[in-house]
N, C-alpha and C. Protein backbone atom coordinates (compact mmCIF):
# COMPACT_ATOMS: atom_id res chain seq x y z
N MET A 1 0.83 -1.20 0.00
CA MET A 1 0.00 0.00 0.00
C MET A 1 0.87 1.26 0.00
N PHE A 2 2.01 1.23 0.73
CA PHE A 2 2.88 2.41 0.77
C PHE A 2 3.34 2.81 -0.63
N ASN A 3 3.76 1.83 -1.44
CA ASN A 3 4.24 2.15 -2.78
C ASN A 3 3.19 2.90 -3.60
N LEU A 4 1.96 2.47 -3.53
CA LEU A 4 0.89 3.12 -4.28
C LEU A 4 0.63 4.52 -3.73
N THR A 5 0.56 4.65 -2.41
CA THR A 5 0.29 5.95 -1.79
C THR A 5 1.44 6.92 -2.04
N ALA A 6 2.69 6.48 -1.85
CA ALA A 6 3.84 7.36 -2.06
C ALA A 6 3.92 7.83 -3.50
N THR A 7 3.66 6.95 -4.43
CA THR A 7 3.71 7.32 -5.84
C THR A 7 2.61 8.32 -6.18
N ALA A 8 1.41 8.09 -5.69
CA ALA A 8 0.30 9.01 -5.96
C ALA A 8 0.58 10.39 -5.38
N GLU A 9 1.09 10.45 -4.14
CA GLU A 9 1.42 11.73 -3.51
C GLU A 9 2.48 12.47 -4.32
N PHE A 10 3.50 11.75 -4.76
CA PHE A 10 4.57 12.37 -5.53
C PHE A 10 4.03 12.96 -6.82
N TRP A 11 3.27 12.19 -7.58
CA TRP A 11 2.77 12.67 -8.86
C TRP A 11 1.76 13.80 -8.69
N TRP A 12 1.07 13.85 -7.56
CA TRP A 12 0.11 14.92 -7.31
C TRP A 12 0.84 16.25 -7.09
N TYR A 13 1.94 16.24 -6.29
CA TYR A 13 2.63 17.48 -5.93
C TYR A 13 3.84 17.80 -6.80
N PHE A 14 4.39 16.83 -7.51
CA PHE A 14 5.62 17.02 -8.27
C PHE A 14 5.57 18.18 -9.27
N PRO A 15 4.51 18.33 -10.10
CA PRO A 15 4.53 19.39 -11.10
C PRO A 15 4.69 20.79 -10.50
N ALA A 16 4.25 20.99 -9.27
CA ALA A 16 4.32 22.31 -8.66
C ALA A 16 5.31 22.38 -7.50
N LEU A 17 6.09 21.33 -7.30
CA LEU A 17 6.95 21.27 -6.11
C LEU A 17 7.84 22.49 -5.98
N LEU A 18 8.51 22.91 -7.02
CA LEU A 18 9.42 24.05 -6.93
C LEU A 18 8.94 25.28 -7.69
N SER A 19 7.71 25.26 -8.19
CA SER A 19 7.23 26.41 -8.95
C SER A 19 5.99 27.08 -8.35
N ASP A 20 5.25 26.41 -7.51
CA ASP A 20 4.04 26.98 -6.92
C ASP A 20 4.44 27.84 -5.72
N VAL A 21 4.30 29.17 -5.86
CA VAL A 21 4.73 30.08 -4.80
C VAL A 21 3.90 29.93 -3.52
N LYS A 22 2.81 29.19 -3.58
CA LYS A 22 2.04 28.92 -2.36
C LYS A 22 2.67 27.79 -1.56
N ARG A 23 3.55 27.00 -2.19
CA ARG A 23 4.14 25.83 -1.53
C ARG A 23 5.65 25.91 -1.35
N VAL A 24 6.31 26.86 -2.03
CA VAL A 24 7.77 26.91 -1.97
C VAL A 24 8.23 28.35 -2.21
N ARG A 25 9.40 28.67 -1.67
CA ARG A 25 9.95 30.02 -1.87
C ARG A 25 11.45 29.92 -2.05
N ALA A 26 11.97 30.61 -3.05
CA ALA A 26 13.42 30.69 -3.24
C ALA A 26 14.01 31.51 -2.09
N VAL A 27 15.09 31.01 -1.51
CA VAL A 27 15.75 31.67 -0.37
C VAL A 27 17.26 31.62 -0.58
N PRO A 28 18.00 32.43 0.17
CA PRO A 28 19.47 32.35 0.07
C PRO A 28 19.95 30.98 0.56
N PRO A 29 20.96 30.40 -0.11
CA PRO A 29 21.46 29.08 0.31
C PRO A 29 22.16 29.13 1.66
N LEU A 30 22.16 28.00 2.34
CA LEU A 30 22.79 27.91 3.66
C LEU A 30 24.27 27.56 3.58
N VAL A 31 24.63 26.60 2.74
CA VAL A 31 26.01 26.09 2.76
C VAL A 31 26.73 26.14 1.42
N CYS A 32 26.06 26.44 0.35
CA CYS A 32 26.72 26.47 -0.95
C CYS A 32 26.63 27.88 -1.53
N SER A 33 27.55 28.20 -2.42
CA SER A 33 27.55 29.55 -2.99
C SER A 33 27.01 29.56 -4.41
N ASN A 34 27.19 28.51 -5.16
CA ASN A 34 26.75 28.47 -6.55
C ASN A 34 25.64 27.42 -6.70
N CYS A 35 24.50 27.70 -6.04
CA CYS A 35 23.41 26.72 -6.09
C CYS A 35 22.07 27.42 -6.00
N ASN A 36 21.01 26.66 -6.16
CA ASN A 36 19.64 27.15 -5.99
C ASN A 36 19.12 26.60 -4.68
N SER A 37 18.43 27.42 -3.93
CA SER A 37 17.95 27.02 -2.63
C SER A 37 16.47 27.36 -2.48
N TYR A 38 15.72 26.45 -1.88
CA TYR A 38 14.27 26.63 -1.72
C TYR A 38 13.84 26.24 -0.32
N PHE A 39 12.84 26.95 0.21
CA PHE A 39 12.24 26.59 1.49
C PHE A 39 10.86 26.03 1.21
N ILE A 40 10.59 24.84 1.74
CA ILE A 40 9.30 24.17 1.55
C ILE A 40 8.64 24.02 2.92
N PRO A 41 7.62 24.84 3.21
CA PRO A 41 6.95 24.73 4.50
C PRO A 41 5.99 23.55 4.52
N GLY A 42 5.51 23.23 5.69
CA GLY A 42 4.48 22.21 5.79
C GLY A 42 3.18 22.74 5.21
N SER A 43 2.24 21.85 4.98
CA SER A 43 0.96 22.27 4.39
C SER A 43 0.05 22.89 5.44
N MET A 44 -0.95 23.61 4.97
CA MET A 44 -1.93 24.23 5.88
C MET A 44 -2.62 23.18 6.75
N ALA A 45 -2.75 21.96 6.24
CA ALA A 45 -3.42 20.91 7.01
C ALA A 45 -2.64 20.54 8.26
N ASN A 46 -1.34 20.83 8.28
CA ASN A 46 -0.51 20.48 9.44
C ASN A 46 -0.42 21.58 10.49
N ILE A 47 -1.01 22.73 10.21
CA ILE A 47 -0.95 23.84 11.16
C ILE A 47 -1.92 23.59 12.30
N VAL A 48 -1.42 23.74 13.51
CA VAL A 48 -2.25 23.60 14.70
C VAL A 48 -2.36 24.99 15.34
N LEU A 49 -3.55 25.53 15.35
CA LEU A 49 -3.75 26.85 15.93
C LEU A 49 -3.69 26.80 17.44
N ASP A 50 -3.22 27.88 18.03
CA ASP A 50 -3.13 28.00 19.48
C ASP A 50 -4.53 28.06 20.07
N PRO A 51 -4.92 27.05 20.87
CA PRO A 51 -6.29 27.02 21.40
C PRO A 51 -6.59 28.15 22.39
N THR A 52 -5.56 28.84 22.87
CA THR A 52 -5.80 29.95 23.81
C THR A 52 -6.11 31.25 23.08
N GLN A 53 -5.95 31.27 21.75
CA GLN A 53 -6.22 32.46 20.95
C GLN A 53 -7.60 32.37 20.31
N PRO A 54 -8.20 33.52 20.01
CA PRO A 54 -9.52 33.49 19.33
C PRO A 54 -9.40 32.88 17.93
N ILE A 55 -10.47 32.25 17.49
CA ILE A 55 -10.51 31.63 16.16
C ILE A 55 -10.55 32.72 15.09
N ILE A 56 -9.75 32.55 14.05
CA ILE A 56 -9.73 33.50 12.93
C ILE A 56 -10.77 33.03 11.91
N THR A 57 -11.66 33.92 11.53
CA THR A 57 -12.69 33.57 10.55
C THR A 57 -12.51 34.36 9.27
N ALA A 58 -13.16 33.92 8.21
CA ALA A 58 -13.09 34.61 6.91
C ALA A 58 -13.71 36.00 6.99
N ASN A 59 -14.62 36.21 7.92
CA ASN A 59 -15.25 37.52 8.07
C ASN A 59 -14.27 38.58 8.56
N GLU A 60 -13.25 38.16 9.31
CA GLU A 60 -12.29 39.12 9.83
C GLU A 60 -11.34 39.64 8.75
N TYR A 61 -10.99 38.79 7.80
CA TYR A 61 -10.06 39.16 6.73
C TYR A 61 -10.64 38.69 5.39
N PRO A 62 -11.73 39.31 4.93
CA PRO A 62 -12.41 38.81 3.71
C PRO A 62 -11.57 38.91 2.44
N ASN A 63 -10.58 39.81 2.39
CA ASN A 63 -9.77 39.99 1.18
C ASN A 63 -8.38 39.36 1.30
N ALA A 64 -8.16 38.57 2.33
CA ALA A 64 -6.83 37.98 2.54
C ALA A 64 -6.48 37.00 1.43
N LEU A 65 -5.25 37.07 0.96
CA LEU A 65 -4.77 36.17 -0.09
C LEU A 65 -3.75 35.18 0.44
N ALA A 66 -3.30 35.36 1.67
CA ALA A 66 -2.24 34.50 2.21
C ALA A 66 -2.43 34.33 3.71
N TYR A 67 -1.79 33.30 4.21
CA TYR A 67 -1.76 33.03 5.64
C TYR A 67 -0.29 33.05 6.04
N ILE A 68 0.08 33.84 7.03
CA ILE A 68 1.47 33.94 7.46
C ILE A 68 1.62 33.31 8.83
N GLN A 69 2.55 32.38 8.95
CA GLN A 69 2.85 31.75 10.23
C GLN A 69 4.32 31.99 10.54
N ASP A 70 4.59 32.65 11.64
CA ASP A 70 5.97 32.88 12.06
C ASP A 70 6.57 31.61 12.64
N ASP A 71 7.87 31.44 12.44
CA ASP A 71 8.62 30.30 13.00
C ASP A 71 8.02 28.96 12.60
N ALA A 72 7.56 28.86 11.36
CA ALA A 72 6.97 27.61 10.87
C ALA A 72 8.06 26.60 10.56
N PRO A 73 7.84 25.33 10.88
CA PRO A 73 8.81 24.30 10.48
C PRO A 73 8.71 24.05 8.98
N GLY A 74 9.78 23.57 8.41
CA GLY A 74 9.80 23.25 6.99
C GLY A 74 11.15 22.70 6.60
N TYR A 75 11.37 22.57 5.31
CA TYR A 75 12.63 22.05 4.78
C TYR A 75 13.27 23.09 3.88
N GLN A 76 14.58 23.25 4.03
CA GLN A 76 15.33 24.05 3.07
C GLN A 76 16.20 23.10 2.29
N ILE A 77 16.10 23.19 0.97
CA ILE A 77 16.83 22.29 0.09
C ILE A 77 17.73 23.12 -0.82
N ASP A 78 19.03 22.81 -0.80
CA ASP A 78 19.99 23.47 -1.68
C ASP A 78 20.34 22.51 -2.80
N PHE A 79 20.22 22.98 -4.04
CA PHE A 79 20.53 22.15 -5.21
C PHE A 79 21.81 22.65 -5.85
N TYR A 80 22.73 21.72 -6.10
CA TYR A 80 23.96 22.07 -6.82
C TYR A 80 24.33 20.88 -7.71
N PRO A 81 25.05 21.13 -8.79
CA PRO A 81 25.43 20.03 -9.68
C PRO A 81 26.39 19.06 -8.98
N ILE A 82 26.20 17.78 -9.24
CA ILE A 82 27.08 16.75 -8.68
C ILE A 82 28.39 16.74 -9.46
N ASN A 83 29.50 16.67 -8.74
CA ASN A 83 30.80 16.51 -9.36
C ASN A 83 30.94 15.03 -9.74
N ARG A 84 30.75 14.73 -10.99
CA ARG A 84 30.72 13.33 -11.45
C ARG A 84 32.08 12.63 -11.34
N GLN A 85 33.14 13.39 -11.09
CA GLN A 85 34.46 12.78 -10.92
C GLN A 85 34.62 12.18 -9.52
N THR A 86 33.97 12.79 -8.52
CA THR A 86 34.15 12.34 -7.14
C THR A 86 32.85 11.88 -6.48
N GLU A 87 31.70 12.30 -7.02
CA GLU A 87 30.41 11.94 -6.43
C GLU A 87 29.60 11.17 -7.47
N TYR A 88 29.01 10.08 -7.08
CA TYR A 88 28.24 9.30 -8.04
C TYR A 88 27.14 8.52 -7.33
N LEU A 89 26.15 8.14 -8.10
CA LEU A 89 25.07 7.27 -7.65
C LEU A 89 25.12 6.00 -8.48
N ASP A 90 24.81 4.87 -7.86
CA ASP A 90 24.67 3.64 -8.63
C ASP A 90 23.37 2.95 -8.23
N LEU A 91 23.06 1.86 -8.84
CA LEU A 91 21.76 1.20 -8.62
C LEU A 91 21.55 0.77 -7.17
N ASP A 92 22.62 0.55 -6.41
CA ASP A 92 22.47 0.20 -5.00
C ASP A 92 21.89 1.36 -4.18
N ASP A 93 21.98 2.56 -4.71
CA ASP A 93 21.47 3.75 -4.03
C ASP A 93 20.02 4.05 -4.40
N CYS A 94 19.42 3.23 -5.25
CA CYS A 94 18.09 3.51 -5.80
C CYS A 94 17.04 2.53 -5.29
N ARG A 95 15.81 3.03 -5.18
CA ARG A 95 14.65 2.21 -4.84
C ARG A 95 13.55 2.57 -5.82
N LEU A 96 12.71 1.58 -6.12
CA LEU A 96 11.61 1.77 -7.06
C LEU A 96 10.29 1.70 -6.28
N TYR A 97 9.44 2.69 -6.46
CA TYR A 97 8.14 2.74 -5.81
C TYR A 97 7.07 2.86 -6.88
N GLY A 98 5.97 2.19 -6.67
CA GLY A 98 4.87 2.35 -7.60
C GLY A 98 4.18 1.06 -7.95
N VAL A 99 3.46 1.12 -9.04
CA VAL A 99 2.71 -0.01 -9.57
C VAL A 99 3.06 -0.16 -11.04
N ASP A 100 2.50 -1.16 -11.71
CA ASP A 100 2.85 -1.45 -13.09
C ASP A 100 2.74 -0.25 -14.02
N LEU A 101 1.68 0.53 -13.90
CA LEU A 101 1.44 1.64 -14.83
C LEU A 101 2.06 2.96 -14.41
N MET A 102 2.49 3.06 -13.15
CA MET A 102 3.02 4.32 -12.65
C MET A 102 4.06 4.01 -11.57
N ALA A 103 5.31 4.37 -11.83
CA ALA A 103 6.36 4.08 -10.88
C ALA A 103 7.32 5.25 -10.78
N LEU A 104 8.07 5.27 -9.71
CA LEU A 104 9.03 6.33 -9.45
C LEU A 104 10.29 5.69 -8.91
N GLN A 105 11.44 6.02 -9.50
CA GLN A 105 12.72 5.54 -9.00
C GLN A 105 13.37 6.69 -8.25
N VAL A 106 13.73 6.46 -6.99
CA VAL A 106 14.38 7.46 -6.16
C VAL A 106 15.78 6.98 -5.83
N CYS A 107 16.78 7.80 -6.14
CA CYS A 107 18.17 7.48 -5.85
C CYS A 107 18.69 8.49 -4.86
N LEU A 108 19.12 8.03 -3.69
CA LEU A 108 19.63 8.89 -2.62
C LEU A 108 20.89 8.27 -2.03
N LYS A 109 21.84 9.13 -1.66
CA LYS A 109 23.08 8.65 -1.06
C LYS A 109 23.64 9.74 -0.17
N ALA A 110 24.01 9.39 1.06
CA ALA A 110 24.67 10.35 1.95
C ALA A 110 26.12 10.50 1.52
N GLU A 111 26.55 11.74 1.38
CA GLU A 111 27.92 12.04 0.97
C GLU A 111 28.38 13.25 1.78
N ASN A 112 29.27 13.01 2.75
CA ASN A 112 29.71 14.07 3.67
C ASN A 112 28.49 14.67 4.36
N ASN A 113 28.27 15.96 4.22
CA ASN A 113 27.11 16.61 4.86
C ASN A 113 25.96 16.83 3.89
N SER A 114 25.97 16.13 2.76
CA SER A 114 24.94 16.31 1.74
C SER A 114 24.22 15.00 1.46
N ILE A 115 23.10 15.11 0.80
CA ILE A 115 22.39 13.95 0.27
C ILE A 115 22.39 14.10 -1.23
N LEU A 116 22.99 13.16 -1.92
CA LEU A 116 22.98 13.16 -3.38
C LEU A 116 21.65 12.56 -3.83
N ALA A 117 21.05 13.15 -4.84
CA ALA A 117 19.79 12.64 -5.37
C ALA A 117 19.83 12.76 -6.88
N GLY A 118 19.18 11.83 -7.55
CA GLY A 118 19.10 11.92 -8.99
C GLY A 118 18.81 10.59 -9.62
N VAL A 119 19.22 10.49 -10.86
CA VAL A 119 18.99 9.28 -11.64
C VAL A 119 20.33 8.56 -11.77
N SER A 120 20.34 7.27 -11.49
CA SER A 120 21.59 6.54 -11.58
C SER A 120 21.92 6.23 -13.04
N PRO A 121 23.18 6.12 -13.37
CA PRO A 121 23.54 5.75 -14.74
C PRO A 121 23.21 4.28 -15.01
N PRO A 122 22.87 3.94 -16.23
CA PRO A 122 22.57 2.54 -16.53
C PRO A 122 23.83 1.68 -16.41
N LYS A 123 23.62 0.46 -15.92
CA LYS A 123 24.74 -0.48 -15.81
C LYS A 123 24.62 -1.49 -16.95
N PHE A 124 25.70 -1.75 -17.60
CA PHE A 124 25.72 -2.72 -18.70
C PHE A 124 26.48 -3.94 -18.29
């Protein structure tokens, strides 16, 4: 069941993962200088409002276009090109998730303080 659920979730959010400004924001990188960096907050469904505060209703802010939460948890991801001379992925670093008609191969490998991700080269 996990393979089917994980694949469906990925395909649902993947097209907008790094382009939908409601779900991601470009930010300055943390550890690299020549890379792209993005902050991905949790979804609105994961926000737990403080029960000691009054409930916010649509009537209070009828024209609001956004919800701002200070100190929200999330992920910051820095993307940089892999140095193919010293860093590489192989099939042992990959897992396949999905079903016959829809599958996703994920390749991940810990390398120093980074996680390498991508598509592994074919083995002959």
